[in-house]
């Protein structure tokens, strides 16, 4: 069973390998594939981002962040990002993180949640978010330099809470 909890700085040594492996692949996140660990830590663990971890039998197998999409007049919409240990893909961890993010965003007072950079070739993520009630509300042509497919589109996905 997947348990999702708020991450602590002491969890970073287990989060970093997940972050690094996902980003280094160059297929789903716009971060530089060779991002420095210190830069990743600032992105993933620094407020206003709230970092969460997914555990299965005490092993950290995924992570997500929730933060305001914009400061000030846009802070009622959450922005979220998700990463799962690659060899655990298809085991329901992303779905558990997605359900958690919806509930937690609601609890934090957000009225909607947006995933604003879903690479169009990331079919598994698109299918997951759509199954959780997200809709594609925008498409940015050729916004991502995919490592295998070249320039591909990026989707903006949204759901009211």
N, C-alpha and C. Protein backbone atom coordinates (compact mmCIF):
# COMPACT_ATOMS: atom_id res chain seq x y z
N UNK A 1 0.84 -1.18 0.00
CA UNK A 1 0.00 0.00 0.00
C UNK A 1 0.88 1.25 0.00
N UNK A 2 0.50 2.22 -0.80
CA UNK A 2 1.26 3.46 -0.92
C UNK A 2 0.82 4.43 0.18
N UNK A 3 1.79 4.97 0.92
CA UNK A 3 1.51 5.99 1.92
C UNK A 3 2.22 7.26 1.49
N UNK A 4 1.48 8.37 1.49
CA UNK A 4 2.04 9.66 1.09
C UNK A 4 2.08 10.57 2.31
N UNK A 5 3.25 11.16 2.55
CA UNK A 5 3.43 12.06 3.69
C UNK A 5 4.26 13.27 3.26
N UNK A 6 4.20 14.30 4.08
CA UNK A 6 5.03 15.48 3.85
C UNK A 6 6.50 15.09 3.99
N UNK A 7 7.30 15.50 3.03
CA UNK A 7 8.73 15.19 3.07
C UNK A 7 9.45 16.10 4.05
N UNK A 8 10.54 15.61 4.56
CA UNK A 8 11.44 16.38 5.41
C UNK A 8 12.77 16.49 4.68
N UNK A 9 13.56 17.46 5.05
CA UNK A 9 14.86 17.63 4.41
C UNK A 9 15.70 16.36 4.52
N UNK A 10 15.52 15.61 5.58
CA UNK A 10 16.26 14.36 5.75
C UNK A 10 15.85 13.29 4.72
N UNK A 11 14.73 13.51 4.01
CA UNK A 11 14.31 12.58 2.96
C UNK A 11 15.01 12.87 1.63
N UNK A 12 15.65 14.04 1.51
CA UNK A 12 16.25 14.41 0.23
C UNK A 12 17.22 13.36 -0.33
N UNK A 13 18.08 12.74 0.47
CA UNK A 13 18.97 11.73 -0.10
C UNK A 13 18.24 10.58 -0.80
N UNK A 14 16.99 10.32 -0.44
CA UNK A 14 16.20 9.30 -1.13
C UNK A 14 15.41 9.89 -2.30
N UNK A 15 15.08 11.18 -2.22
CA UNK A 15 14.34 11.84 -3.30
C UNK A 15 15.25 12.14 -4.47
N UNK A 16 16.47 12.58 -4.21
CA UNK A 16 17.39 12.99 -5.26
C UNK A 16 17.60 11.93 -6.33
N UNK A 17 17.83 10.66 -6.01
CA UNK A 17 18.01 9.67 -7.08
C UNK A 17 16.77 9.53 -7.98
N UNK A 18 15.59 9.69 -7.40
CA UNK A 18 14.36 9.64 -8.20
C UNK A 18 14.33 10.84 -9.14
N UNK A 19 14.52 12.03 -8.58
CA UNK A 19 14.53 13.26 -9.36
C UNK A 19 15.57 13.17 -10.47
N UNK A 20 16.77 12.80 -10.10
CA UNK A 20 17.88 12.75 -11.06
C UNK A 20 17.60 11.77 -12.20
N UNK A 21 17.11 10.58 -11.88
CA UNK A 21 16.85 9.58 -12.92
C UNK A 21 15.77 10.04 -13.88
N UNK A 22 14.70 10.63 -13.36
CA UNK A 22 13.61 11.10 -14.22
C UNK A 22 14.08 12.23 -15.12
N UNK A 23 14.77 13.20 -14.54
CA UNK A 23 15.21 14.38 -15.29
C UNK A 23 16.32 14.03 -16.28
N UNK A 24 17.25 13.17 -15.88
CA UNK A 24 18.38 12.81 -16.75
C UNK A 24 17.92 12.13 -18.03
N UNK A 25 16.78 11.47 -17.97
CA UNK A 25 16.24 10.80 -19.16
C UNK A 25 15.90 11.80 -20.27
N UNK A 26 15.51 13.01 -19.89
CA UNK A 26 15.24 14.06 -20.87
C UNK A 26 13.97 13.88 -21.67
N UNK A 27 12.98 13.17 -21.11
CA UNK A 27 11.76 12.90 -21.86
C UNK A 27 10.49 13.48 -21.26
N UNK A 28 10.55 13.95 -20.01
CA UNK A 28 9.31 14.38 -19.36
C UNK A 28 9.40 15.71 -18.63
N UNK A 29 10.57 16.17 -18.29
CA UNK A 29 10.73 17.43 -17.57
C UNK A 29 11.67 18.35 -18.32
N UNK A 30 11.41 19.66 -18.23
CA UNK A 30 12.23 20.64 -18.93
C UNK A 30 13.53 20.97 -18.19
N UNK A 31 13.68 20.49 -16.98
CA UNK A 31 14.93 20.73 -16.27
C UNK A 31 16.09 20.17 -17.08
N UNK A 32 17.25 20.81 -16.98
CA UNK A 32 18.43 20.31 -17.68
C UNK A 32 18.73 18.88 -17.22
N UNK A 33 18.97 17.97 -18.15
CA UNK A 33 19.25 16.58 -17.76
C UNK A 33 20.42 16.44 -16.79
N UNK A 34 21.34 17.39 -16.82
CA UNK A 34 22.50 17.34 -15.92
C UNK A 34 22.36 18.33 -14.75
N UNK A 35 21.13 18.61 -14.34
CA UNK A 35 20.89 19.56 -13.26
C UNK A 35 21.72 19.17 -12.02
N UNK A 36 22.27 20.18 -11.39
CA UNK A 36 23.04 19.96 -10.17
C UNK A 36 22.09 19.62 -9.02
N UNK A 37 22.55 18.77 -8.14
CA UNK A 37 21.72 18.37 -7.00
C UNK A 37 21.27 19.57 -6.18
N UNK A 38 22.14 20.54 -5.96
CA UNK A 38 21.78 21.71 -5.17
C UNK A 38 20.65 22.50 -5.83
N UNK A 39 20.67 22.60 -7.16
CA UNK A 39 19.60 23.30 -7.88
C UNK A 39 18.29 22.52 -7.78
N UNK A 40 18.37 21.21 -7.90
CA UNK A 40 17.17 20.37 -7.78
C UNK A 40 16.56 20.51 -6.39
N UNK A 41 17.40 20.52 -5.38
CA UNK A 41 16.92 20.67 -4.01
C UNK A 41 16.16 21.98 -3.85
N UNK A 42 16.68 23.06 -4.41
CA UNK A 42 16.00 24.36 -4.32
C UNK A 42 14.64 24.33 -5.00
N UNK A 43 14.56 23.69 -6.15
CA UNK A 43 13.30 23.61 -6.90
C UNK A 43 12.28 22.77 -6.14
N UNK A 44 12.70 21.65 -5.63
CA UNK A 44 11.77 20.62 -5.13
C UNK A 44 11.41 20.79 -3.66
N UNK A 45 12.31 21.39 -2.88
CA UNK A 45 12.10 21.39 -1.42
C UNK A 45 11.99 22.78 -0.79
N UNK A 46 12.02 23.83 -1.58
CA UNK A 46 12.01 25.18 -1.04
C UNK A 46 10.61 25.79 -1.12
N UNK A 47 10.11 26.38 -0.02
CA UNK A 47 8.81 27.04 -0.07
C UNK A 47 8.79 28.12 -1.15
N UNK A 48 7.65 28.33 -1.79
CA UNK A 48 6.34 27.86 -1.34
C UNK A 48 6.00 26.42 -1.73
N UNK A 49 6.91 25.72 -2.41
CA UNK A 49 6.63 24.32 -2.75
C UNK A 49 6.55 23.49 -1.47
N UNK A 50 5.59 22.60 -1.44
CA UNK A 50 5.48 21.60 -0.37
C UNK A 50 5.77 20.27 -1.02
N UNK A 51 6.77 19.59 -0.52
CA UNK A 51 7.22 18.33 -1.09
C UNK A 51 6.64 17.16 -0.29
N UNK A 52 6.20 16.16 -1.02
CA UNK A 52 5.64 14.96 -0.40
C UNK A 52 6.36 13.74 -0.94
N UNK A 53 6.33 12.67 -0.17
CA UNK A 53 6.95 11.42 -0.60
C UNK A 53 5.92 10.30 -0.53
N UNK A 54 6.07 9.36 -1.46
CA UNK A 54 5.26 8.15 -1.46
C UNK A 54 6.16 7.01 -1.01
N UNK A 55 5.66 6.24 -0.06
CA UNK A 55 6.42 5.09 0.46
C UNK A 55 5.62 3.81 0.23
N UNK A 56 6.36 2.77 -0.08
CA UNK A 56 5.82 1.41 -0.08
C UNK A 56 6.76 0.61 0.81
N UNK A 57 6.21 0.08 1.89
CA UNK A 57 7.01 -0.69 2.85
C UNK A 57 8.28 0.06 3.27
N UNK A 58 8.10 1.31 3.65
CA UNK A 58 9.17 2.19 4.16
C UNK A 58 10.18 2.65 3.11
N UNK A 59 10.04 2.21 1.87
CA UNK A 59 10.94 2.66 0.80
C UNK A 59 10.28 3.83 0.06
N UNK A 60 11.03 4.91 -0.13
CA UNK A 60 10.51 6.05 -0.88
C UNK A 60 10.54 5.69 -2.37
N UNK A 61 9.34 5.70 -2.98
CA UNK A 61 9.20 5.26 -4.37
C UNK A 61 8.64 6.35 -5.28
N UNK A 62 8.33 7.51 -4.72
CA UNK A 62 7.81 8.60 -5.53
C UNK A 62 7.79 9.88 -4.74
N UNK A 63 7.57 10.96 -5.45
CA UNK A 63 7.55 12.28 -4.83
C UNK A 63 6.67 13.21 -5.65
N UNK A 64 6.11 14.20 -4.99
CA UNK A 64 5.38 15.24 -5.70
C UNK A 64 5.55 16.55 -4.95
N UNK A 65 5.29 17.62 -5.67
CA UNK A 65 5.26 18.93 -5.03
C UNK A 65 3.93 19.59 -5.36
N UNK A 66 3.48 20.41 -4.43
CA UNK A 66 2.29 21.23 -4.60
C UNK A 66 2.69 22.64 -4.20
N UNK A 67 2.33 23.60 -5.03
CA UNK A 67 2.65 24.99 -4.71
C UNK A 67 1.64 25.88 -5.42
N UNK A 68 1.54 27.14 -5.01
CA UNK A 68 0.67 28.05 -5.74
C UNK A 68 1.17 28.19 -7.18
N UNK A 69 0.24 28.21 -8.12
CA UNK A 69 0.62 28.36 -9.51
C UNK A 69 1.27 29.71 -9.77
N UNK A 70 0.76 30.74 -9.14
CA UNK A 70 1.29 32.09 -9.26
C UNK A 70 1.20 32.76 -7.89
N UNK A 71 2.01 33.76 -7.63
CA UNK A 71 1.86 34.50 -6.38
C UNK A 71 0.67 35.45 -6.47
N UNK A 72 0.27 35.98 -5.35
CA UNK A 72 -0.76 37.01 -5.33
C UNK A 72 -2.09 36.55 -5.87
N UNK A 73 -2.56 37.20 -6.90
CA UNK A 73 -3.90 36.97 -7.41
C UNK A 73 -4.07 35.64 -8.14
N UNK A 74 -3.01 34.87 -8.28
CA UNK A 74 -3.10 33.55 -8.89
C UNK A 74 -2.84 32.43 -7.90
N UNK A 75 -2.75 32.77 -6.62
CA UNK A 75 -2.35 31.75 -5.64
C UNK A 75 -3.47 30.83 -5.18
N UNK A 76 -4.65 30.96 -5.76
CA UNK A 76 -5.76 30.06 -5.42
C UNK A 76 -5.76 28.79 -6.28
N UNK A 77 -4.89 28.75 -7.28
CA UNK A 77 -4.74 27.57 -8.15
C UNK A 77 -3.42 26.90 -7.80
N UNK A 78 -3.48 25.61 -7.55
CA UNK A 78 -2.26 24.85 -7.24
C UNK A 78 -1.56 24.44 -8.52
N UNK A 79 -0.27 24.30 -8.42
CA UNK A 79 0.55 23.69 -9.46
C UNK A 79 1.18 22.46 -8.83
N UNK A 80 1.24 21.38 -9.58
CA UNK A 80 1.79 20.15 -9.02
C UNK A 80 2.72 19.48 -10.02
N UNK A 81 3.67 18.73 -9.50
CA UNK A 81 4.60 17.95 -10.32
C UNK A 81 4.85 16.63 -9.60
N UNK A 82 5.10 15.59 -10.38
CA UNK A 82 5.15 14.23 -9.84
C UNK A 82 6.31 13.46 -10.44
N UNK A 83 6.93 12.60 -9.63
CA UNK A 83 7.99 11.70 -10.11
C UNK A 83 7.89 10.38 -9.36
N UNK A 84 8.13 9.29 -10.09
CA UNK A 84 8.06 7.94 -9.52
C UNK A 84 9.33 7.19 -9.90
N UNK A 85 9.81 6.36 -8.99
CA UNK A 85 10.95 5.48 -9.29
C UNK A 85 10.61 4.72 -10.57
N UNK A 86 11.53 4.76 -11.54
CA UNK A 86 11.21 4.23 -12.86
C UNK A 86 10.88 2.75 -12.86
N UNK A 87 11.53 1.95 -12.05
CA UNK A 87 11.22 0.51 -12.08
C UNK A 87 9.95 0.18 -11.31
N UNK A 88 9.30 1.18 -10.73
CA UNK A 88 8.01 1.00 -10.06
C UNK A 88 6.86 1.52 -10.91
N UNK A 89 7.16 1.95 -12.12
CA UNK A 89 6.14 2.49 -13.01
C UNK A 89 5.05 1.45 -13.25
N UNK A 90 3.80 1.91 -13.26
CA UNK A 90 2.68 1.00 -13.50
C UNK A 90 2.19 0.28 -12.26
N UNK A 91 2.70 0.65 -11.08
CA UNK A 91 2.31 -0.01 -9.84
C UNK A 91 1.29 0.79 -9.02
N UNK A 92 0.76 1.87 -9.58
CA UNK A 92 -0.25 2.67 -8.88
C UNK A 92 0.31 3.78 -8.03
N UNK A 93 1.61 4.00 -8.08
CA UNK A 93 2.23 5.03 -7.25
C UNK A 93 1.85 6.43 -7.76
N UNK A 94 1.93 6.63 -9.06
CA UNK A 94 1.52 7.91 -9.64
C UNK A 94 0.06 8.22 -9.35
N UNK A 95 -0.79 7.21 -9.46
CA UNK A 95 -2.22 7.38 -9.17
C UNK A 95 -2.42 7.76 -7.69
N UNK A 96 -1.70 7.08 -6.79
CA UNK A 96 -1.81 7.41 -5.37
C UNK A 96 -1.35 8.84 -5.10
N UNK A 97 -0.25 9.24 -5.73
CA UNK A 97 0.22 10.62 -5.58
C UNK A 97 -0.79 11.61 -6.16
N UNK A 98 -1.39 11.26 -7.30
CA UNK A 98 -2.39 12.13 -7.91
C UNK A 98 -3.60 12.32 -7.02
N UNK A 99 -4.14 11.23 -6.48
CA UNK A 99 -5.28 11.33 -5.56
C UNK A 99 -4.90 12.16 -4.33
N UNK A 100 -3.71 11.90 -3.81
CA UNK A 100 -3.25 12.65 -2.65
C UNK A 100 -3.17 14.14 -2.98
N UNK A 101 -2.59 14.48 -4.12
CA UNK A 101 -2.43 15.89 -4.50
C UNK A 101 -3.78 16.58 -4.63
N UNK A 102 -4.77 15.89 -5.15
CA UNK A 102 -6.11 16.48 -5.25
C UNK A 102 -6.66 16.77 -3.85
N UNK A 103 -6.58 15.79 -2.96
CA UNK A 103 -7.10 15.97 -1.60
C UNK A 103 -6.30 17.02 -0.83
N UNK A 104 -4.99 16.97 -0.94
CA UNK A 104 -4.14 17.91 -0.20
C UNK A 104 -4.31 19.33 -0.73
N UNK A 105 -4.42 19.49 -2.03
CA UNK A 105 -4.63 20.83 -2.60
C UNK A 105 -5.94 21.42 -2.10
N UNK A 106 -6.97 20.59 -2.05
CA UNK A 106 -8.26 21.02 -1.52
C UNK A 106 -8.10 21.42 -0.04
N UNK A 107 -7.42 20.58 0.73
CA UNK A 107 -7.21 20.85 2.15
C UNK A 107 -6.44 22.16 2.37
N UNK A 108 -5.50 22.45 1.47
CA UNK A 108 -4.69 23.67 1.57
C UNK A 108 -5.43 24.91 1.11
N UNK A 109 -6.66 24.73 0.60
CA UNK A 109 -7.49 25.88 0.22
C UNK A 109 -7.45 26.26 -1.24
N UNK A 110 -6.80 25.47 -2.06
CA UNK A 110 -6.81 25.75 -3.50
C UNK A 110 -8.18 25.41 -4.08
N UNK A 111 -8.56 26.07 -5.16
CA UNK A 111 -9.85 25.79 -5.81
C UNK A 111 -9.69 24.99 -7.09
N UNK A 112 -8.47 24.88 -7.56
CA UNK A 112 -8.19 24.12 -8.78
C UNK A 112 -6.73 23.68 -8.73
N UNK A 113 -6.40 22.77 -9.61
CA UNK A 113 -5.02 22.30 -9.70
C UNK A 113 -4.64 22.24 -11.18
N UNK A 114 -3.42 22.66 -11.45
CA UNK A 114 -2.93 22.71 -12.83
C UNK A 114 -1.59 21.98 -12.90
N UNK A 115 -1.48 21.15 -13.91
CA UNK A 115 -0.19 20.54 -14.25
C UNK A 115 0.17 21.20 -15.57
N UNK A 116 1.12 22.12 -15.53
CA UNK A 116 1.28 23.02 -16.67
C UNK A 116 2.36 22.63 -17.68
N UNK A 117 2.95 21.47 -17.53
CA UNK A 117 4.00 21.13 -18.48
C UNK A 117 4.02 19.62 -18.68
N UNK A 118 2.98 19.11 -19.34
CA UNK A 118 2.88 17.68 -19.61
C UNK A 118 3.33 17.45 -21.05
N UNK A 119 4.45 16.79 -21.22
CA UNK A 119 5.00 16.55 -22.56
C UNK A 119 4.04 15.63 -23.32
N UNK A 120 3.71 16.03 -24.54
CA UNK A 120 2.67 15.33 -25.31
C UNK A 120 3.00 13.87 -25.61
N UNK A 121 4.26 13.49 -25.54
CA UNK A 121 4.63 12.10 -25.77
C UNK A 121 4.58 11.26 -24.49
N UNK A 122 4.28 11.90 -23.38
CA UNK A 122 4.19 11.20 -22.09
C UNK A 122 2.76 10.64 -21.93
N UNK A 123 2.45 9.65 -22.75
CA UNK A 123 1.09 9.12 -22.84
C UNK A 123 0.59 8.55 -21.51
N UNK A 124 1.46 7.92 -20.76
CA UNK A 124 1.05 7.35 -19.47
C UNK A 124 0.57 8.45 -18.52
N UNK A 125 1.31 9.55 -18.45
CA UNK A 125 0.91 10.65 -17.57
C UNK A 125 -0.40 11.28 -18.05
N UNK A 126 -0.52 11.49 -19.33
CA UNK A 126 -1.75 12.09 -19.88
C UNK A 126 -2.95 11.22 -19.54
N UNK A 127 -2.83 9.93 -19.76
CA UNK A 127 -3.92 9.00 -19.46
C UNK A 127 -4.26 9.02 -17.97
N UNK A 128 -3.24 9.04 -17.11
CA UNK A 128 -3.47 9.09 -15.68
C UNK A 128 -4.21 10.35 -15.28
N UNK A 129 -3.72 11.51 -15.72
CA UNK A 129 -4.34 12.78 -15.31
C UNK A 129 -5.77 12.87 -15.84
N UNK A 130 -6.00 12.41 -17.05
CA UNK A 130 -7.37 12.43 -17.58
C UNK A 130 -8.28 11.52 -16.76
N UNK A 131 -7.77 10.37 -16.32
CA UNK A 131 -8.58 9.46 -15.51
C UNK A 131 -8.89 10.05 -14.14
N UNK A 132 -8.10 11.02 -13.70
CA UNK A 132 -8.34 11.70 -12.43
C UNK A 132 -9.15 12.99 -12.61
N UNK A 133 -9.69 13.18 -13.81
CA UNK A 133 -10.57 14.32 -14.05
C UNK A 133 -9.92 15.56 -14.62
N UNK A 134 -8.65 15.49 -14.95
CA UNK A 134 -7.97 16.62 -15.57
C UNK A 134 -8.34 16.70 -17.05
N UNK A 135 -8.40 17.90 -17.56
CA UNK A 135 -8.64 18.12 -18.98
C UNK A 135 -7.46 18.89 -19.56
N UNK A 136 -7.18 18.62 -20.82
CA UNK A 136 -6.16 19.42 -21.53
C UNK A 136 -6.83 20.74 -21.88
N UNK A 137 -6.31 21.82 -21.33
CA UNK A 137 -6.90 23.14 -21.56
C UNK A 137 -6.00 24.04 -22.40
N UNK A 138 -4.83 23.55 -22.73
CA UNK A 138 -3.92 24.31 -23.56
C UNK A 138 -2.86 23.43 -24.17
N UNK A 139 -2.33 23.90 -25.27
CA UNK A 139 -1.27 23.17 -25.97
C UNK A 139 -0.25 24.19 -26.47
N UNK A 140 1.00 23.97 -26.12
CA UNK A 140 2.07 24.86 -26.55
C UNK A 140 2.89 24.11 -27.60
N UNK A 141 2.84 24.56 -28.85
CA UNK A 141 3.53 23.85 -29.93
C UNK A 141 5.05 23.85 -29.76
N UNK A 142 5.63 22.70 -29.96
CA UNK A 142 7.08 22.51 -30.00
C UNK A 142 7.81 23.17 -28.83
N UNK A 143 7.25 23.03 -27.64
CA UNK A 143 7.80 23.69 -26.45
C UNK A 143 8.83 22.86 -25.71
N UNK A 144 9.01 21.59 -26.12
CA UNK A 144 9.92 20.70 -25.39
C UNK A 144 10.88 20.04 -26.36
N UNK A 145 12.17 20.06 -26.01
CA UNK A 145 13.20 19.40 -26.83
C UNK A 145 13.38 17.97 -26.33
N UNK A 146 12.54 17.08 -26.83
CA UNK A 146 12.56 15.67 -26.42
C UNK A 146 13.85 15.04 -26.92
N UNK A 147 14.46 14.22 -26.07
CA UNK A 147 15.76 13.63 -26.40
C UNK A 147 15.70 12.63 -27.56
N UNK A 148 14.54 12.01 -27.79
CA UNK A 148 14.41 11.07 -28.91
C UNK A 148 13.60 11.62 -30.08
N UNK A 149 12.57 12.43 -29.78
CA UNK A 149 11.62 12.85 -30.81
C UNK A 149 11.81 14.28 -31.30
N UNK A 150 12.78 14.98 -30.78
CA UNK A 150 12.97 16.37 -31.19
C UNK A 150 11.92 17.27 -30.55
N UNK A 151 11.52 18.32 -31.26
CA UNK A 151 10.56 19.28 -30.72
C UNK A 151 9.16 18.67 -30.67
N UNK A 152 8.58 18.65 -29.48
CA UNK A 152 7.22 18.13 -29.31
C UNK A 152 6.40 19.13 -28.50
N UNK A 153 5.08 18.98 -28.59
CA UNK A 153 4.17 19.88 -27.89
C UNK A 153 4.13 19.58 -26.40
N UNK A 154 3.64 20.56 -25.66
CA UNK A 154 3.43 20.44 -24.23
C UNK A 154 1.97 20.79 -23.95
N UNK A 155 1.35 20.03 -23.05
CA UNK A 155 -0.03 20.29 -22.66
C UNK A 155 -0.09 20.96 -21.30
N UNK A 156 -1.12 21.79 -21.14
CA UNK A 156 -1.50 22.33 -19.85
C UNK A 156 -2.77 21.57 -19.45
N UNK A 157 -2.74 20.94 -18.28
CA UNK A 157 -3.88 20.17 -17.81
C UNK A 157 -4.41 20.79 -16.52
N UNK A 158 -5.73 20.75 -16.36
CA UNK A 158 -6.38 21.48 -15.28
C UNK A 158 -7.56 20.68 -14.74
N UNK A 159 -7.82 20.89 -13.47
CA UNK A 159 -9.01 20.31 -12.85
C UNK A 159 -9.45 21.19 -11.69
N UNK A 160 -10.76 21.47 -11.64
CA UNK A 160 -11.31 22.14 -10.46
C UNK A 160 -11.38 21.15 -9.31
N UNK A 161 -11.24 21.66 -8.11
CA UNK A 161 -11.32 20.82 -6.92
C UNK A 161 -12.70 20.91 -6.33
